[in-house]
N, C-alpha and C. Protein backbone atom coordinates (compact mmCIF):
# COMPACT_ATOMS: atom_id res chain seq x y z
N MET A 1 10.70 44.15 -8.07
CA MET A 1 11.95 43.41 -8.04
C MET A 1 11.82 42.21 -7.09
N VAL A 2 12.27 41.04 -7.56
CA VAL A 2 12.17 39.82 -6.77
C VAL A 2 13.51 39.57 -6.08
N THR A 3 13.46 39.40 -4.76
CA THR A 3 14.69 39.14 -4.03
C THR A 3 15.12 37.70 -4.24
N ALA A 4 16.38 37.42 -3.94
CA ALA A 4 16.90 36.06 -4.10
C ALA A 4 16.17 35.08 -3.18
N ALA A 5 15.85 35.52 -1.96
CA ALA A 5 15.15 34.64 -1.02
C ALA A 5 13.75 34.32 -1.52
N ALA A 6 13.07 35.33 -2.11
CA ALA A 6 11.72 35.10 -2.63
C ALA A 6 11.75 34.16 -3.82
N ALA A 7 12.75 34.31 -4.68
CA ALA A 7 12.87 33.43 -5.85
C ALA A 7 13.15 32.01 -5.41
N LYS A 8 13.95 31.85 -4.37
CA LYS A 8 14.31 30.52 -3.88
C LYS A 8 13.12 29.82 -3.23
N SER A 9 12.22 30.60 -2.62
CA SER A 9 11.11 30.01 -1.89
C SER A 9 9.84 29.92 -2.73
N LYS A 10 9.97 29.97 -4.05
CA LYS A 10 8.76 29.89 -4.88
C LYS A 10 8.08 28.54 -4.68
N VAL A 11 6.79 28.55 -4.78
CA VAL A 11 5.98 27.36 -4.54
C VAL A 11 5.99 26.48 -5.79
N ILE A 12 6.31 25.22 -5.59
CA ILE A 12 6.34 24.26 -6.68
C ILE A 12 5.18 23.29 -6.47
N LYS A 13 4.38 23.11 -7.51
CA LYS A 13 3.28 22.15 -7.44
C LYS A 13 3.86 20.74 -7.49
N ILE A 14 3.59 19.96 -6.47
CA ILE A 14 4.09 18.59 -6.39
C ILE A 14 3.22 17.73 -7.30
N PRO A 15 3.83 17.04 -8.28
CA PRO A 15 3.05 16.20 -9.20
C PRO A 15 2.65 14.88 -8.54
N THR A 16 1.71 14.21 -9.17
CA THR A 16 1.35 12.85 -8.74
C THR A 16 2.39 11.91 -9.35
N GLU A 17 2.38 10.64 -8.92
CA GLU A 17 3.31 9.67 -9.49
C GLU A 17 3.11 9.53 -10.99
N SER A 18 1.85 9.47 -11.43
CA SER A 18 1.60 9.30 -12.87
C SER A 18 2.06 10.52 -13.65
N GLU A 19 1.87 11.72 -13.10
CA GLU A 19 2.37 12.93 -13.77
C GLU A 19 3.89 12.91 -13.84
N LEU A 20 4.49 12.44 -12.78
CA LEU A 20 5.95 12.35 -12.72
C LEU A 20 6.48 11.41 -13.81
N LEU A 21 5.84 10.26 -13.94
CA LEU A 21 6.28 9.26 -14.93
C LEU A 21 6.03 9.70 -16.36
N ARG A 22 5.08 10.61 -16.56
CA ARG A 22 4.79 11.10 -17.91
C ARG A 22 5.74 12.21 -18.37
N MET A 23 6.56 12.70 -17.46
CA MET A 23 7.49 13.77 -17.82
C MET A 23 8.53 13.24 -18.81
N PRO A 24 8.96 14.09 -19.75
CA PRO A 24 9.97 13.65 -20.72
C PRO A 24 11.30 13.31 -20.05
N ALA A 25 12.04 12.39 -20.65
CA ALA A 25 13.32 11.93 -20.10
C ALA A 25 14.31 13.09 -19.95
N LYS A 26 14.22 14.07 -20.83
CA LYS A 26 15.15 15.20 -20.77
C LYS A 26 14.94 16.04 -19.51
N ASP A 27 13.78 15.89 -18.85
CA ASP A 27 13.48 16.63 -17.63
C ASP A 27 13.91 15.88 -16.36
N TYR A 28 14.69 14.83 -16.52
CA TYR A 28 15.08 13.99 -15.38
C TYR A 28 15.72 14.83 -14.28
N MET A 29 15.22 14.66 -13.09
CA MET A 29 15.65 15.33 -11.86
C MET A 29 15.61 16.85 -11.99
N ASN A 30 14.51 17.31 -12.60
CA ASN A 30 14.30 18.76 -12.64
C ASN A 30 13.77 19.20 -11.27
N GLU A 31 13.50 20.48 -11.13
CA GLU A 31 13.06 21.06 -9.86
C GLU A 31 11.79 20.40 -9.33
N VAL A 32 10.86 20.12 -10.23
CA VAL A 32 9.58 19.52 -9.84
C VAL A 32 9.79 18.09 -9.34
N GLN A 33 10.59 17.32 -10.04
CA GLN A 33 10.86 15.94 -9.62
C GLN A 33 11.60 15.91 -8.29
N LEU A 34 12.57 16.81 -8.13
CA LEU A 34 13.29 16.87 -6.86
C LEU A 34 12.34 17.24 -5.72
N ALA A 35 11.42 18.16 -5.97
CA ALA A 35 10.44 18.54 -4.96
C ALA A 35 9.55 17.34 -4.60
N PHE A 36 9.17 16.55 -5.60
CA PHE A 36 8.34 15.37 -5.37
C PHE A 36 9.07 14.40 -4.43
N PHE A 37 10.34 14.10 -4.74
CA PHE A 37 11.08 13.13 -3.93
C PHE A 37 11.42 13.71 -2.55
N ARG A 38 11.69 15.01 -2.47
CA ARG A 38 11.95 15.64 -1.18
C ARG A 38 10.71 15.46 -0.28
N GLU A 39 9.54 15.74 -0.84
CA GLU A 39 8.29 15.60 -0.09
C GLU A 39 8.06 14.14 0.31
N MET A 40 8.31 13.23 -0.62
CA MET A 40 8.13 11.80 -0.36
C MET A 40 9.04 11.35 0.79
N LEU A 41 10.30 11.76 0.75
CA LEU A 41 11.26 11.37 1.79
C LEU A 41 10.90 12.00 3.14
N LYS A 42 10.48 13.25 3.12
CA LYS A 42 10.10 13.91 4.37
C LYS A 42 8.88 13.22 5.00
N ASN A 43 7.91 12.84 4.18
CA ASN A 43 6.73 12.13 4.70
C ASN A 43 7.12 10.78 5.29
N LEU A 44 8.02 10.07 4.61
CA LEU A 44 8.49 8.77 5.11
C LEU A 44 9.22 8.96 6.44
N LYS A 45 10.01 9.99 6.52
CA LYS A 45 10.75 10.29 7.76
C LYS A 45 9.78 10.57 8.91
N GLU A 46 8.76 11.37 8.65
CA GLU A 46 7.76 11.68 9.68
C GLU A 46 7.04 10.42 10.15
N GLU A 47 6.73 9.54 9.20
CA GLU A 47 6.05 8.29 9.53
C GLU A 47 6.94 7.42 10.43
N LEU A 48 8.22 7.36 10.11
CA LEU A 48 9.15 6.57 10.92
C LEU A 48 9.29 7.16 12.32
N MET A 49 9.31 8.48 12.40
CA MET A 49 9.42 9.12 13.71
C MET A 49 8.19 8.82 14.56
N ALA A 50 7.02 8.83 13.93
CA ALA A 50 5.78 8.52 14.66
C ALA A 50 5.81 7.07 15.14
N ASN A 51 6.29 6.16 14.29
CA ASN A 51 6.41 4.75 14.67
C ASN A 51 7.33 4.58 15.87
N ALA A 52 8.43 5.31 15.87
CA ALA A 52 9.39 5.21 16.98
C ALA A 52 8.74 5.67 18.27
N GLY A 53 7.97 6.74 18.20
CA GLY A 53 7.27 7.23 19.40
C GLY A 53 6.27 6.22 19.92
N GLU A 54 5.56 5.57 19.00
CA GLU A 54 4.58 4.56 19.39
C GLU A 54 5.27 3.37 20.06
N THR A 55 6.43 2.98 19.54
CA THR A 55 7.17 1.86 20.12
C THR A 55 7.59 2.19 21.54
N SER A 56 8.13 3.39 21.74
CA SER A 56 8.56 3.78 23.09
C SER A 56 7.38 3.71 24.06
N GLU A 57 6.27 4.24 23.63
CA GLU A 57 5.07 4.23 24.47
C GLU A 57 4.61 2.79 24.73
N HIS A 58 4.62 1.97 23.71
CA HIS A 58 4.16 0.59 23.83
C HIS A 58 5.06 -0.21 24.78
N LEU A 59 6.37 0.00 24.71
CA LEU A 59 7.29 -0.73 25.57
C LEU A 59 7.14 -0.31 27.04
N ARG A 60 6.76 0.95 27.27
CA ARG A 60 6.55 1.42 28.65
C ARG A 60 5.29 0.82 29.26
N GLU A 61 4.35 0.42 28.42
CA GLU A 61 3.07 -0.10 28.90
C GLU A 61 3.09 -1.61 29.11
N THR A 62 4.21 -2.21 29.25
CA THR A 62 4.32 -3.66 29.37
C THR A 62 3.57 -4.15 30.61
N PRO A 63 2.58 -4.98 30.38
CA PRO A 63 1.84 -5.51 31.54
C PRO A 63 2.65 -6.60 32.24
N SER A 64 2.40 -6.73 33.51
CA SER A 64 3.05 -7.78 34.29
C SER A 64 2.11 -8.99 34.29
N VAL A 65 2.57 -10.08 33.70
CA VAL A 65 1.72 -11.28 33.64
C VAL A 65 2.43 -12.44 34.33
N PRO A 66 1.69 -13.18 35.13
CA PRO A 66 2.30 -14.27 35.88
C PRO A 66 2.61 -15.51 35.02
N ASP A 67 1.85 -15.72 33.97
CA ASP A 67 2.03 -16.92 33.15
C ASP A 67 3.31 -16.81 32.32
N PRO A 68 4.24 -17.79 32.47
CA PRO A 68 5.50 -17.74 31.72
C PRO A 68 5.31 -17.75 30.19
N ALA A 69 4.31 -18.46 29.71
CA ALA A 69 4.06 -18.50 28.27
C ALA A 69 3.60 -17.14 27.76
N ASP A 70 2.72 -16.50 28.51
CA ASP A 70 2.26 -15.16 28.12
C ASP A 70 3.41 -14.16 28.17
N ARG A 71 4.23 -14.26 29.19
CA ARG A 71 5.37 -13.36 29.34
C ARG A 71 6.34 -13.55 28.17
N ALA A 72 6.56 -14.81 27.79
CA ALA A 72 7.46 -15.10 26.67
C ALA A 72 6.91 -14.52 25.36
N THR A 73 5.61 -14.64 25.19
CA THR A 73 4.97 -14.08 23.99
C THR A 73 5.15 -12.57 23.94
N ILE A 74 4.93 -11.90 25.06
CA ILE A 74 5.08 -10.45 25.12
C ILE A 74 6.53 -10.05 24.84
N GLU A 75 7.47 -10.79 25.44
CA GLU A 75 8.89 -10.48 25.22
C GLU A 75 9.29 -10.69 23.77
N GLU A 76 8.75 -11.72 23.14
CA GLU A 76 9.04 -11.98 21.72
C GLU A 76 8.46 -10.87 20.85
N GLU A 77 7.25 -10.41 21.16
CA GLU A 77 6.64 -9.30 20.43
C GLU A 77 7.48 -8.04 20.57
N HIS A 78 8.00 -7.79 21.76
CA HIS A 78 8.85 -6.62 21.99
C HIS A 78 10.16 -6.74 21.20
N ALA A 79 10.73 -7.93 21.20
CA ALA A 79 11.98 -8.14 20.45
C ALA A 79 11.76 -7.90 18.96
N LEU A 80 10.64 -8.39 18.45
CA LEU A 80 10.31 -8.18 17.04
C LEU A 80 10.12 -6.69 16.75
N GLU A 81 9.43 -6.02 17.63
CA GLU A 81 9.19 -4.58 17.46
C GLU A 81 10.51 -3.80 17.50
N LEU A 82 11.42 -4.19 18.39
CA LEU A 82 12.71 -3.52 18.46
C LEU A 82 13.56 -3.79 17.21
N ARG A 83 13.49 -4.99 16.67
CA ARG A 83 14.22 -5.28 15.42
C ARG A 83 13.67 -4.44 14.28
N THR A 84 12.35 -4.31 14.24
CA THR A 84 11.71 -3.49 13.21
C THR A 84 12.17 -2.04 13.35
N ARG A 85 12.19 -1.52 14.55
CA ARG A 85 12.62 -0.13 14.78
C ARG A 85 14.09 0.05 14.42
N ASP A 86 14.91 -0.98 14.65
CA ASP A 86 16.32 -0.89 14.28
C ASP A 86 16.45 -0.77 12.76
N ARG A 87 15.66 -1.56 12.02
CA ARG A 87 15.68 -1.44 10.55
C ARG A 87 15.20 -0.06 10.13
N GLU A 88 14.19 0.45 10.82
CA GLU A 88 13.69 1.78 10.51
C GLU A 88 14.72 2.86 10.84
N ARG A 89 15.50 2.64 11.89
CA ARG A 89 16.57 3.59 12.25
C ARG A 89 17.60 3.66 11.13
N LYS A 90 17.94 2.49 10.58
CA LYS A 90 18.88 2.46 9.47
C LYS A 90 18.29 3.12 8.23
N LEU A 91 16.98 2.91 8.01
CA LEU A 91 16.30 3.56 6.89
C LEU A 91 16.29 5.07 7.09
N MET A 92 16.11 5.52 8.33
CA MET A 92 16.11 6.95 8.63
C MET A 92 17.44 7.58 8.22
N LYS A 93 18.53 6.88 8.48
CA LYS A 93 19.85 7.38 8.09
C LYS A 93 19.93 7.50 6.57
N LYS A 94 19.41 6.51 5.86
CA LYS A 94 19.41 6.56 4.39
C LYS A 94 18.54 7.69 3.87
N ILE A 95 17.42 7.95 4.55
CA ILE A 95 16.55 9.06 4.15
C ILE A 95 17.29 10.38 4.31
N GLU A 96 17.98 10.54 5.45
CA GLU A 96 18.77 11.76 5.67
C GLU A 96 19.82 11.94 4.58
N GLN A 97 20.48 10.85 4.21
CA GLN A 97 21.48 10.92 3.15
C GLN A 97 20.85 11.29 1.81
N ALA A 98 19.67 10.73 1.53
CA ALA A 98 18.97 11.03 0.27
C ALA A 98 18.57 12.50 0.23
N LEU A 99 18.08 13.03 1.34
CA LEU A 99 17.73 14.45 1.40
C LEU A 99 18.97 15.31 1.18
N GLY A 100 20.10 14.87 1.72
CA GLY A 100 21.36 15.58 1.49
C GLY A 100 21.76 15.57 0.03
N ARG A 101 21.54 14.42 -0.63
CA ARG A 101 21.87 14.32 -2.06
C ARG A 101 20.96 15.22 -2.89
N ILE A 102 19.70 15.36 -2.47
CA ILE A 102 18.80 16.28 -3.17
C ILE A 102 19.35 17.70 -3.08
N GLU A 103 19.78 18.09 -1.89
CA GLU A 103 20.30 19.44 -1.69
C GLU A 103 21.61 19.67 -2.46
N SER A 104 22.43 18.62 -2.57
CA SER A 104 23.72 18.78 -3.26
C SER A 104 23.60 18.60 -4.77
N GLY A 105 22.43 18.12 -5.24
CA GLY A 105 22.24 17.94 -6.67
C GLY A 105 22.66 16.58 -7.19
N ASP A 106 22.97 15.65 -6.29
CA ASP A 106 23.42 14.31 -6.70
C ASP A 106 22.29 13.29 -6.72
N TYR A 107 21.12 13.65 -6.23
CA TYR A 107 20.03 12.69 -6.09
C TYR A 107 19.56 12.20 -7.46
N GLY A 108 19.31 10.90 -7.53
CA GLY A 108 18.78 10.31 -8.77
C GLY A 108 19.85 9.79 -9.70
N TYR A 109 21.12 9.92 -9.31
CA TYR A 109 22.21 9.46 -10.15
C TYR A 109 23.03 8.42 -9.40
N CYS A 110 23.46 7.40 -10.13
CA CYS A 110 24.19 6.26 -9.56
C CYS A 110 25.52 6.70 -8.96
N ASP A 111 25.80 6.23 -7.75
CA ASP A 111 27.07 6.53 -7.09
C ASP A 111 28.27 5.93 -7.83
N GLU A 112 28.07 4.80 -8.50
CA GLU A 112 29.17 4.13 -9.19
C GLU A 112 29.37 4.60 -10.62
N THR A 113 28.27 4.77 -11.36
CA THR A 113 28.39 5.06 -12.79
C THR A 113 28.03 6.49 -13.16
N GLY A 114 27.30 7.18 -12.29
CA GLY A 114 26.86 8.53 -12.59
C GLY A 114 25.64 8.58 -13.51
N GLU A 115 25.14 7.41 -13.91
CA GLU A 115 23.97 7.34 -14.79
C GLU A 115 22.69 7.58 -13.98
N PRO A 116 21.62 8.02 -14.65
CA PRO A 116 20.34 8.17 -13.96
C PRO A 116 19.86 6.83 -13.39
N ILE A 117 19.38 6.86 -12.17
CA ILE A 117 18.86 5.66 -11.53
C ILE A 117 17.50 5.30 -12.13
N GLY A 118 16.71 6.29 -12.44
CA GLY A 118 15.40 6.07 -13.05
C GLY A 118 14.27 6.35 -12.09
N LEU A 119 13.22 6.96 -12.61
CA LEU A 119 12.09 7.34 -11.77
C LEU A 119 11.38 6.15 -11.16
N LYS A 120 11.18 5.08 -11.94
CA LYS A 120 10.45 3.92 -11.41
C LYS A 120 11.20 3.30 -10.23
N ARG A 121 12.50 3.19 -10.34
CA ARG A 121 13.30 2.63 -9.24
C ARG A 121 13.24 3.55 -8.02
N LEU A 122 13.33 4.85 -8.25
CA LEU A 122 13.29 5.79 -7.13
C LEU A 122 11.91 5.83 -6.47
N LEU A 123 10.87 5.61 -7.25
CA LEU A 123 9.53 5.54 -6.66
C LEU A 123 9.42 4.30 -5.76
N ALA A 124 10.02 3.21 -6.20
CA ALA A 124 9.97 1.97 -5.43
C ALA A 124 10.91 2.04 -4.22
N ARG A 125 12.07 2.66 -4.41
CA ARG A 125 13.07 2.77 -3.35
C ARG A 125 13.69 4.16 -3.40
N PRO A 126 13.06 5.13 -2.74
CA PRO A 126 13.53 6.52 -2.85
C PRO A 126 14.92 6.78 -2.28
N THR A 127 15.47 5.81 -1.54
CA THR A 127 16.81 5.98 -0.99
C THR A 127 17.88 5.31 -1.85
N ALA A 128 17.50 4.80 -3.01
CA ALA A 128 18.44 4.09 -3.89
C ALA A 128 19.60 4.99 -4.29
N THR A 129 20.80 4.42 -4.30
CA THR A 129 21.98 5.18 -4.71
C THR A 129 22.64 4.54 -5.93
N LEU A 130 22.11 3.40 -6.36
CA LEU A 130 22.69 2.67 -7.49
C LEU A 130 21.61 2.33 -8.51
N THR A 131 22.00 2.25 -9.78
CA THR A 131 21.09 1.74 -10.80
C THR A 131 20.85 0.26 -10.51
N ILE A 132 19.86 -0.31 -11.12
CA ILE A 132 19.58 -1.73 -10.92
C ILE A 132 20.79 -2.56 -11.32
N GLU A 133 21.40 -2.22 -12.45
CA GLU A 133 22.56 -2.98 -12.94
C GLU A 133 23.73 -2.90 -11.97
N ALA A 134 24.02 -1.71 -11.45
CA ALA A 134 25.12 -1.55 -10.49
C ALA A 134 24.81 -2.30 -9.20
N GLN A 135 23.56 -2.28 -8.76
CA GLN A 135 23.17 -3.01 -7.55
C GLN A 135 23.33 -4.51 -7.76
N GLN A 136 22.95 -5.01 -8.93
CA GLN A 136 23.10 -6.44 -9.23
C GLN A 136 24.57 -6.83 -9.24
N ARG A 137 25.42 -5.98 -9.83
CA ARG A 137 26.87 -6.27 -9.82
C ARG A 137 27.41 -6.33 -8.40
N ARG A 138 26.98 -5.38 -7.57
CA ARG A 138 27.44 -5.33 -6.18
C ARG A 138 26.99 -6.58 -5.43
N GLU A 139 25.73 -6.99 -5.61
CA GLU A 139 25.22 -8.18 -4.92
C GLU A 139 25.93 -9.44 -5.39
N LEU A 140 26.21 -9.52 -6.70
CA LEU A 140 26.93 -10.68 -7.23
C LEU A 140 28.34 -10.74 -6.65
N LYS A 141 28.99 -9.60 -6.57
CA LYS A 141 30.34 -9.54 -6.00
C LYS A 141 30.32 -9.96 -4.53
N GLN A 142 29.32 -9.48 -3.80
CA GLN A 142 29.19 -9.86 -2.39
C GLN A 142 28.97 -11.34 -2.23
N LYS A 143 28.17 -11.91 -3.13
CA LYS A 143 27.86 -13.34 -3.07
C LYS A 143 29.13 -14.15 -3.39
N MET A 144 29.87 -13.69 -4.39
CA MET A 144 31.06 -14.43 -4.82
C MET A 144 32.20 -14.32 -3.81
N TYR A 145 32.39 -13.13 -3.26
CA TYR A 145 33.56 -12.90 -2.39
C TYR A 145 33.20 -12.76 -0.93
N GLY A 146 31.93 -12.87 -0.60
CA GLY A 146 31.50 -12.83 0.79
C GLY A 146 31.79 -11.51 1.47
N GLU A 147 31.73 -10.41 0.74
CA GLU A 147 32.02 -9.10 1.31
C GLU A 147 30.84 -8.56 2.05
């Protein structure tokens, strides 16, 4: 007899991108595809966390240089690194939301239309919440009305 916990923890073979794209359309966001994107998002999250740790370490190692031009260069590099980490922090939030959508069963479907976002788009942008068409409409609206 298989317990509910054992059934839930069954091992799913994670497909490659090409295997994922070869799956029939009727299998959209099946268990295997969700496992693929869950793994992809978790790996991206781990990479971002490692980058954040490296930044903290790098900023602590700031050398003291007497030359104002060298100091300005170092400060500019730090500012650029901090802006990059800020973008990554925002991406981390989107990754957390995407993982939540996987758990709730909403992942892969457009927030506005409910239509499938599509595997190719999700491979390119795994945190996408809109189809390309819905995203284009939103960007056009923002451009027109300055929202």
